[in-house]
């Protein structure tokens, strides 16, 4: 297991997280990526941005399945991550 983190504060941590997630996805072998956000709004914003950027890359890249989990998410959606 690898842990990636920045030693300096980020001006926009959501953007920095999205970029890092995509870099990991595009350069590493198959596996899971776990990213912690501070709340539902940030999670949904990051998910939307990741999905938009993946659409822009087209079919030339391997599939990336983005699965959120937060307390307000219905239980049937939460179990998808397991």
PDB file of N, CA and C in Angstrom:
ATOM      1  N   UNK A   1       0.845  -1.170   0.000  1.00  0.00           N
ATOM      2  CA  UNK A   1       0.000   0.000   0.000  1.00  0.00           C
ATOM      3  C   UNK A   1       0.892   1.235   0.000  1.00  0.00           C
ATOM      4  N   UNK A   2       0.538   2.190  -0.856  1.00  0.00           N
ATOM      5  CA  UNK A   2       1.247   3.462  -0.915  1.00  0.00           C
ATOM      6  C   UNK A   2       0.343   4.564  -0.397  1.00  0.00           C
ATOM      7  N   UNK A   3       0.917   5.519   0.290  1.00  0.00           N
ATOM      8  CA  UNK A   3       0.180   6.672   0.775  1.00  0.00           C
ATOM      9  C   UNK A   3       0.804   7.904   0.136  1.00  0.00           C
ATOM     10  N   UNK A   4      -0.028   8.696  -0.541  1.00  0.00           N
ATOM     11  CA  UNK A   4       0.434   9.917  -1.189  1.00  0.00           C
ATOM     12  C   UNK A   4      -0.120  11.111  -0.422  1.00  0.00           C
ATOM     13  N   UNK A   5       0.695  12.091  -0.200  1.00  0.00           N
ATOM     14  CA  UNK A   5       0.258  13.293   0.485  1.00  0.00           C
ATOM     15  C   UNK A   5       1.159  14.444   0.092  1.00  0.00           C
ATOM     16  N   UNK A   6       0.694  15.663   0.325  1.00  0.00           N
ATOM     17  CA  UNK A   6       1.496  16.844   0.038  1.00  0.00           C
ATOM     18  C   UNK A   6       2.025  17.426   1.341  1.00  0.00           C
ATOM     19  N   UNK A   7       3.211  17.935   1.288  1.00  0.00           N
ATOM     20  CA  UNK A   7       3.799  18.533   2.485  1.00  0.00           C
ATOM     21  C   UNK A   7       3.429  20.008   2.606  1.00  0.00           C
ATOM     22  N   UNK A   8       2.884  20.578   1.529  1.00  0.00           N
ATOM     23  CA  UNK A   8       2.496  21.988   1.533  1.00  0.00           C
ATOM     24  C   UNK A   8       0.984  22.118   1.394  1.00  0.00           C
ATOM     25  N   UNK A   9       0.407  23.166   1.957  1.00  0.00           N
ATOM     26  CA  UNK A   9      -1.034  23.381   1.796  1.00  0.00           C
ATOM     27  C   UNK A   9      -1.386  23.609   0.327  1.00  0.00           C
ATOM     28  N   UNK A  10      -2.554  23.177  -0.074  1.00  0.00           N
ATOM     29  CA  UNK A  10      -3.041  23.363  -1.438  1.00  0.00           C
ATOM     30  C   UNK A  10      -4.068  24.483  -1.457  1.00  0.00           C
ATOM     31  N   UNK A  11      -4.005  25.334  -2.467  1.00  0.00           N
ATOM     32  CA  UNK A  11      -4.978  26.423  -2.600  1.00  0.00           C
ATOM     33  C   UNK A  11      -6.374  25.861  -2.837  1.00  0.00           C
ATOM     34  N   UNK A  12      -6.464  24.778  -3.608  1.00  0.00           N
ATOM     35  CA  UNK A  12      -7.745  24.135  -3.894  1.00  0.00           C
ATOM     36  C   UNK A  12      -7.538  22.637  -3.716  1.00  0.00           C
ATOM     37  N   UNK A  13      -7.841  22.137  -2.533  1.00  0.00           N
ATOM     38  CA  UNK A  13      -7.525  20.737  -2.245  1.00  0.00           C
ATOM     39  C   UNK A  13      -8.380  19.767  -3.048  1.00  0.00           C
ATOM     40  N   UNK A  14      -9.569  20.186  -3.463  1.00  0.00           N
ATOM     41  CA  UNK A  14     -10.402  19.295  -4.274  1.00  0.00           C
ATOM     42  C   UNK A  14      -9.749  19.097  -5.642  1.00  0.00           C
ATOM     43  N   UNK A  15      -9.327  20.188  -6.262  1.00  0.00           N
ATOM     44  CA  UNK A  15      -8.638  20.106  -7.556  1.00  0.00           C
ATOM     45  C   UNK A  15      -7.363  19.277  -7.426  1.00  0.00           C
ATOM     46  N   UNK A  16      -6.592  19.521  -6.392  1.00  0.00           N
ATOM     47  CA  UNK A  16      -5.357  18.766  -6.184  1.00  0.00           C
ATOM     48  C   UNK A  16      -5.654  17.284  -5.993  1.00  0.00           C
ATOM     49  N   UNK A  17      -6.733  16.963  -5.289  1.00  0.00           N
ATOM     50  CA  UNK A  17      -7.119  15.563  -5.088  1.00  0.00           C
ATOM     51  C   UNK A  17      -7.524  14.912  -6.399  1.00  0.00           C
ATOM     52  N   UNK A  18      -8.312  15.622  -7.197  1.00  0.00           N
ATOM     53  CA  UNK A  18      -8.752  15.087  -8.495  1.00  0.00           C
ATOM     54  C   UNK A  18      -7.541  14.805  -9.380  1.00  0.00           C
ATOM     55  N   UNK A  19      -6.632  15.742  -9.470  1.00  0.00           N
ATOM     56  CA  UNK A  19      -5.428  15.565 -10.290  1.00  0.00           C
ATOM     57  C   UNK A  19      -4.631  14.364  -9.799  1.00  0.00           C
ATOM     58  N   UNK A  20      -4.451  14.236  -8.507  1.00  0.00           N
ATOM     59  CA  UNK A  20      -3.689  13.123  -7.939  1.00  0.00           C
ATOM     60  C   UNK A  20      -4.375  11.787  -8.204  1.00  0.00           C
ATOM     61  N   UNK A  21      -5.689  11.741  -8.026  1.00  0.00           N
ATOM     62  CA  UNK A  21      -6.441  10.511  -8.279  1.00  0.00           C
ATOM     63  C   UNK A  21      -6.267  10.081  -9.731  1.00  0.00           C
ATOM     64  N   UNK A  22      -6.389  11.024 -10.654  1.00  0.00           N
ATOM     65  CA  UNK A  22      -6.248  10.685 -12.067  1.00  0.00           C
ATOM     66  C   UNK A  22      -4.817  10.268 -12.408  1.00  0.00           C
ATOM     67  N   UNK A  23      -3.837  10.917 -11.818  1.00  0.00           N
ATOM     68  CA  UNK A  23      -2.445  10.520 -12.046  1.00  0.00           C
ATOM     69  C   UNK A  23      -2.204   9.091 -11.573  1.00  0.00           C
ATOM     70  N   UNK A  24      -2.701   8.775 -10.397  1.00  0.00           N
ATOM     71  CA  UNK A  24      -2.546   7.415  -9.873  1.00  0.00           C
ATOM     72  C   UNK A  24      -3.248   6.422 -10.785  1.00  0.00           C
ATOM     73  N   UNK A  25      -4.470   6.736 -11.166  1.00  0.00           N
ATOM     74  CA  UNK A  25      -5.255   5.830 -12.009  1.00  0.00           C
ATOM     75  C   UNK A  25      -4.567   5.576 -13.358  1.00  0.00           C
ATOM     76  N   UNK A  26      -3.997   6.616 -13.930  1.00  0.00           N
ATOM     77  CA  UNK A  26      -3.415   6.496 -15.269  1.00  0.00           C
ATOM     78  C   UNK A  26      -2.006   5.915 -15.278  1.00  0.00           C
ATOM     79  N   UNK A  27      -1.322   5.951 -14.145  1.00  0.00           N
ATOM     80  CA  UNK A  27       0.075   5.514 -14.141  1.00  0.00           C
ATOM     81  C   UNK A  27       0.354   4.247 -13.351  1.00  0.00           C
ATOM     82  N   UNK A  28      -0.591   3.813 -12.526  1.00  0.00           N
ATOM     83  CA  UNK A  28      -0.354   2.650 -11.675  1.00  0.00           C
ATOM     84  C   UNK A  28      -1.139   1.439 -12.161  1.00  0.00           C
ATOM     85  N   UNK A  29      -0.778   0.298 -11.641  1.00  0.00           N
ATOM     86  CA  UNK A  29      -1.500  -0.933 -11.942  1.00  0.00           C
ATOM     87  C   UNK A  29      -2.912  -0.839 -11.376  1.00  0.00           C
ATOM     88  N   UNK A  30      -3.717  -1.821 -11.729  1.00  0.00           N
ATOM     89  CA  UNK A  30      -5.087  -1.876 -11.221  1.00  0.00           C
ATOM     90  C   UNK A  30      -5.084  -1.918  -9.699  1.00  0.00           C
ATOM     91  N   UNK A  31      -6.084  -1.295  -9.117  1.00  0.00           N
ATOM     92  CA  UNK A  31      -6.223  -1.290  -7.670  1.00  0.00           C
ATOM     93  C   UNK A  31      -7.192  -0.212  -7.247  1.00  0.00           C
ATOM     94  N   UNK A  32      -7.387  -0.104  -5.976  1.00  0.00           N
ATOM     95  CA  UNK A  32      -8.332   0.855  -5.423  1.00  0.00           C
ATOM     96  C   UNK A  32      -7.607   2.120  -4.980  1.00  0.00           C
ATOM     97  N   UNK A  33      -8.331   3.228  -5.043  1.00  0.00           N
ATOM     98  CA  UNK A  33      -7.836   4.512  -4.560  1.00  0.00           C
ATOM     99  C   UNK A  33      -8.850   5.009  -3.537  1.00  0.00           C
ATOM    100  N   UNK A  34      -8.392   5.314  -2.360  1.00  0.00           N
ATOM    101  CA  UNK A  34      -9.265   5.824  -1.310  1.00  0.00           C
ATOM    102  C   UNK A  34      -8.865   7.270  -1.047  1.00  0.00           C
ATOM    103  N   UNK A  35      -9.840   8.171  -1.184  1.00  0.00           N
ATOM    104  CA  UNK A  35      -9.579   9.594  -0.980  1.00  0.00           C
ATOM    105  C   UNK A  35     -10.571  10.120   0.040  1.00  0.00           C
ATOM    106  N   UNK A  36     -10.075  10.758   1.066  1.00  0.00           N
ATOM    107  CA  UNK A  36     -10.930  11.325   2.109  1.00  0.00           C
ATOM    108  C   UNK A  36     -11.189  12.794   1.824  1.00  0.00           C
ATOM    109  N   UNK A  37     -12.458  13.180   1.924  1.00  0.00           N
ATOM    110  CA  UNK A  37     -12.873  14.575   1.771  1.00  0.00           C
ATOM    111  C   UNK A  37     -13.572  14.991   3.066  1.00  0.00           C
ATOM    112  N   UNK A  38     -13.804  16.290   3.209  1.00  0.00           N
ATOM    113  CA  UNK A  38     -14.364  16.776   4.470  1.00  0.00           C
ATOM    114  C   UNK A  38     -15.874  16.655   4.579  1.00  0.00           C
ATOM    115  N   UNK A  39     -16.571  16.464   3.474  1.00  0.00           N
ATOM    116  CA  UNK A  39     -18.026  16.351   3.566  1.00  0.00           C
ATOM    117  C   UNK A  39     -18.671  15.999   2.245  1.00  0.00           C
ATOM    118  N   UNK A  40     -19.972  15.853   2.281  1.00  0.00           N
ATOM    119  CA  UNK A  40     -20.745  15.413   1.121  1.00  0.00           C
ATOM    120  C   UNK A  40     -20.574  16.352  -0.075  1.00  0.00           C
ATOM    121  N   UNK A  41     -20.622  17.648   0.142  1.00  0.00           N
ATOM    122  CA  UNK A  41     -20.488  18.591  -0.975  1.00  0.00           C
ATOM    123  C   UNK A  41     -19.154  18.436  -1.687  1.00  0.00           C
ATOM    124  N   UNK A  42     -18.084  18.300  -0.921  1.00  0.00           N
ATOM    125  CA  UNK A  42     -16.758  18.138  -1.511  1.00  0.00           C
ATOM    126  C   UNK A  42     -16.652  16.803  -2.251  1.00  0.00           C
ATOM    127  N   UNK A  43     -17.218  15.763  -1.669  1.00  0.00           N
ATOM    128  CA  UNK A  43     -17.205  14.441  -2.298  1.00  0.00           C
ATOM    129  C   UNK A  43     -17.922  14.506  -3.646  1.00  0.00           C
ATOM    130  N   UNK A  44     -19.100  15.108  -3.660  1.00  0.00           N
ATOM    131  CA  UNK A  44     -19.869  15.181  -4.898  1.00  0.00           C
ATOM    132  C   UNK A  44     -19.188  16.058  -5.942  1.00  0.00           C
ATOM    133  N   UNK A  45     -18.552  17.145  -5.517  1.00  0.00           N
ATOM    134  CA  UNK A  45     -17.818  18.003  -6.442  1.00  0.00           C
ATOM    135  C   UNK A  45     -16.637  17.253  -7.060  1.00  0.00           C
ATOM    136  N   UNK A  46     -15.902  16.543  -6.232  1.00  0.00           N
ATOM    137  CA  UNK A  46     -14.756  15.772  -6.732  1.00  0.00           C
ATOM    138  C   UNK A  46     -15.213  14.664  -7.675  1.00  0.00           C
ATOM    139  N   UNK A  47     -16.283  13.976  -7.320  1.00  0.00           N
ATOM    140  CA  UNK A  47     -16.814  12.911  -8.183  1.00  0.00           C
ATOM    141  C   UNK A  47     -17.200  13.457  -9.550  1.00  0.00           C
ATOM    142  N   UNK A  48     -17.892  14.574  -9.563  1.00  0.00           N
ATOM    143  CA  UNK A  48     -18.323  15.178 -10.823  1.00  0.00           C
ATOM    144  C   UNK A  48     -17.123  15.554 -11.685  1.00  0.00           C
ATOM    145  N   UNK A  49     -16.118  16.146 -11.062  1.00  0.00           N
ATOM    146  CA  UNK A  49     -14.931  16.559 -11.800  1.00  0.00           C
ATOM    147  C   UNK A  49     -14.158  15.350 -12.335  1.00  0.00           C
ATOM    148  N   UNK A  50     -14.020  14.316 -11.533  1.00  0.00           N
ATOM    149  CA  UNK A  50     -13.342  13.095 -11.983  1.00  0.00           C
ATOM    150  C   UNK A  50     -14.090  12.487 -13.167  1.00  0.00           C
ATOM    151  N   UNK A  51     -15.396  12.360 -13.039  1.00  0.00           N
ATOM    152  CA  UNK A  51     -16.189  11.770 -14.124  1.00  0.00           C
ATOM    153  C   UNK A  51     -16.113  12.604 -15.396  1.00  0.00           C
ATOM    154  N   UNK A  52     -16.152  13.937 -15.276  1.00  0.00           N
ATOM    155  CA  UNK A  52     -16.036  14.801 -16.451  1.00  0.00           C
ATOM    156  C   UNK A  52     -14.685  14.644 -17.136  1.00  0.00           C
ATOM    157  N   UNK A  53     -13.643  14.596 -16.349  1.00  0.00           N
ATOM    158  CA  UNK A  53     -12.301  14.460 -16.941  1.00  0.00           C
ATOM    159  C   UNK A  53     -12.100  13.080 -17.569  1.00  0.00           C
ATOM    160  N   UNK A  54     -12.667  12.065 -16.950  1.00  0.00           N
ATOM    161  CA  UNK A  54     -12.563  10.720 -17.536  1.00  0.00           C
ATOM    162  C   UNK A  54     -13.305  10.660 -18.867  1.00  0.00           C
ATOM    163  N   UNK A  55     -14.454  11.306 -18.972  1.00  0.00           N
ATOM    164  CA  UNK A  55     -15.181  11.354 -20.246  1.00  0.00           C
ATOM    165  C   UNK A  55     -14.326  12.018 -21.313  1.00  0.00           C
ATOM    166  N   UNK A  56     -13.606  13.063 -20.930  1.00  0.00           N
ATOM    167  CA  UNK A  56     -12.735  13.774 -21.863  1.00  0.00           C
ATOM    168  C   UNK A  56     -11.577  12.930 -22.362  1.00  0.00           C
ATOM    169  N   UNK A  57     -11.188  11.934 -21.596  1.00  0.00           N
ATOM    170  CA  UNK A  57     -10.084  11.060 -22.004  1.00  0.00           C
ATOM    171  C   UNK A  57     -10.545   9.971 -22.960  1.00  0.00           C
ATOM    172  N   UNK A  58     -11.839   9.723 -23.000  1.00  0.00           N
ATOM    173  CA  UNK A  58     -12.391   8.743 -23.930  1.00  0.00           C
ATOM    174  C   UNK A  58     -12.099   7.309 -23.526  1.00  0.00           C
ATOM    175  N   UNK A  59     -12.222   6.434 -24.509  1.00  0.00           N
ATOM    176  CA  UNK A  59     -12.091   4.992 -24.263  1.00  0.00           C
ATOM    177  C   UNK A  59     -10.643   4.512 -24.262  1.00  0.00           C
ATOM    178  N   UNK A  60      -9.690   5.409 -24.446  1.00  0.00           N
ATOM    179  CA  UNK A  60      -8.285   4.992 -24.498  1.00  0.00           C
ATOM    180  C   UNK A  60      -7.684   4.698 -23.123  1.00  0.00           C
ATOM    181  N   UNK A  61      -8.428   5.005 -22.062  1.00  0.00           N
ATOM    182  CA  UNK A  61      -7.941   4.739 -20.707  1.00  0.00           C
ATOM    183  C   UNK A  61      -8.824   3.701 -20.029  1.00  0.00           C
ATOM    184  N   UNK A  62      -8.239   3.005 -19.057  1.00  0.00           N
ATOM    185  CA  UNK A  62      -9.011   1.994 -18.333  1.00  0.00           C
ATOM    186  C   UNK A  62     -10.128   2.656 -17.517  1.00  0.00           C
ATOM    187  N   UNK A  63     -11.172   1.892 -17.289  1.00  0.00           N
ATOM    188  CA  UNK A  63     -12.352   2.390 -16.586  1.00  0.00           C
ATOM    189  C   UNK A  63     -12.007   2.793 -15.153  1.00  0.00           C
ATOM    190  N   UNK A  64     -12.639   3.866 -14.706  1.00  0.00           N
ATOM    191  CA  UNK A  64     -12.505   4.317 -13.326  1.00  0.00           C
ATOM    192  C   UNK A  64     -13.907   4.399 -12.739  1.00  0.00           C
ATOM    193  N   UNK A  65     -14.163   3.598 -11.744  1.00  0.00           N
ATOM    194  CA  UNK A  65     -15.469   3.588 -11.085  1.00  0.00           C
ATOM    195  C   UNK A  65     -15.345   4.399  -9.808  1.00  0.00           C
ATOM    196  N   UNK A  66     -16.127   5.476  -9.721  1.00  0.00           N
ATOM    197  CA  UNK A  66     -16.083   6.365  -8.562  1.00  0.00           C
ATOM    198  C   UNK A  66     -17.268   6.030  -7.662  1.00  0.00           C
ATOM    199  N   UNK A  67     -16.971   5.617  -6.448  1.00  0.00           N
ATOM    200  CA  UNK A  67     -18.019   5.237  -5.494  1.00  0.00           C
ATOM    201  C   UNK A  67     -17.885   6.071  -4.227  1.00  0.00           C
ATOM    202  N   UNK A  68     -18.902   6.876  -3.928  1.00  0.00           N
ATOM    203  CA  UNK A  68     -18.838   7.707  -2.733  1.00  0.00           C
ATOM    204  C   UNK A  68     -19.343   6.961  -1.502  1.00  0.00           C
ATOM    205  N   UNK A  69     -18.979   7.471  -0.361  1.00  0.00           N
ATOM    206  CA  UNK A  69     -19.611   7.034   0.884  1.00  0.00           C
ATOM    207  C   UNK A  69     -19.598   8.209   1.850  1.00  0.00           C
ATOM    208  N   UNK A  70     -20.780   8.484   2.373  1.00  0.00           N
ATOM    209  CA  UNK A  70     -20.957   9.509   3.400  1.00  0.00           C
ATOM    210  C   UNK A  70     -22.271   9.206   4.110  1.00  0.00           C
ATOM    211  N   UNK A  71     -22.462   9.785   5.263  1.00  0.00           N
ATOM    212  CA  UNK A  71     -23.581   9.389   6.127  1.00  0.00           C
ATOM    213  C   UNK A  71     -24.954   9.621   5.509  1.00  0.00           C
ATOM    214  N   UNK A  72     -25.116  10.627   4.664  1.00  0.00           N
ATOM    215  CA  UNK A  72     -26.411  10.910   4.066  1.00  0.00           C
ATOM    216  C   UNK A  72     -26.730  10.072   2.847  1.00  0.00           C
ATOM    217  N   UNK A  73     -25.810   9.232   2.435  1.00  0.00           N
ATOM    218  CA  UNK A  73     -26.007   8.385   1.260  1.00  0.00           C
ATOM    219  C   UNK A  73     -26.907   7.212   1.633  1.00  0.00           C
ATOM    220  N   UNK A  74     -27.915   6.916   0.799  1.00  0.00           N
ATOM    221  CA  UNK A  74     -28.785   5.779   1.109  1.00  0.00           C
ATOM    222  C   UNK A  74     -27.966   4.484   1.270  1.00  0.00           C
ATOM    223  N   UNK A  75     -28.421   3.617   2.167  1.00  0.00           N
ATOM    224  CA  UNK A  75     -27.662   2.412   2.492  1.00  0.00           C
ATOM    225  C   UNK A  75     -27.430   1.506   1.283  1.00  0.00           C
ATOM    226  N   UNK A  76     -28.379   1.442   0.338  1.00  0.00           N
ATOM    227  CA  UNK A  76     -28.179   0.611  -0.843  1.00  0.00           C
ATOM    228  C   UNK A  76     -27.027   1.126  -1.706  1.00  0.00           C
ATOM    229  N   UNK A  77     -26.780   2.437  -1.669  1.00  0.00           N
ATOM    230  CA  UNK A  77     -25.643   3.002  -2.394  1.00  0.00           C
ATOM    231  C   UNK A  77     -24.337   2.803  -1.616  1.00  0.00           C
ATOM    232  N   UNK A  78     -24.423   2.834  -0.288  1.00  0.00           N
ATOM    233  CA  UNK A  78     -23.214   2.659   0.537  1.00  0.00           C
ATOM    234  C   UNK A  78     -22.624   1.255   0.373  1.00  0.00           C
ATOM    235  N   UNK A  79     -23.465   0.251   0.232  1.00  0.00           N
ATOM    236  CA  UNK A  79     -22.954  -1.113   0.161  1.00  0.00           C
ATOM    237  C   UNK A  79     -22.190  -1.390  -1.128  1.00  0.00           C
ATOM    238  N   UNK A  80     -22.330  -0.538  -2.139  1.00  0.00           N
ATOM    239  CA  UNK A  80     -21.607  -0.729  -3.400  1.00  0.00           C
ATOM    240  C   UNK A  80     -20.110  -0.697  -3.225  1.00  0.00           C
ATOM    241  N   UNK A  81     -19.626   0.037  -2.227  1.00  0.00           N
ATOM    242  CA  UNK A  81     -18.173   0.123  -2.057  1.00  0.00           C
ATOM    243  C   UNK A  81     -17.571  -1.152  -1.496  1.00  0.00           C
ATOM    244  N   UNK A  82     -18.410  -1.978  -0.901  1.00  0.00           N
ATOM    245  CA  UNK A  82     -17.898  -3.208  -0.318  1.00  0.00           C
ATOM    246  C   UNK A  82     -18.015  -4.337  -1.311  1.00  0.00           C
TER     247      UNK A  82
END
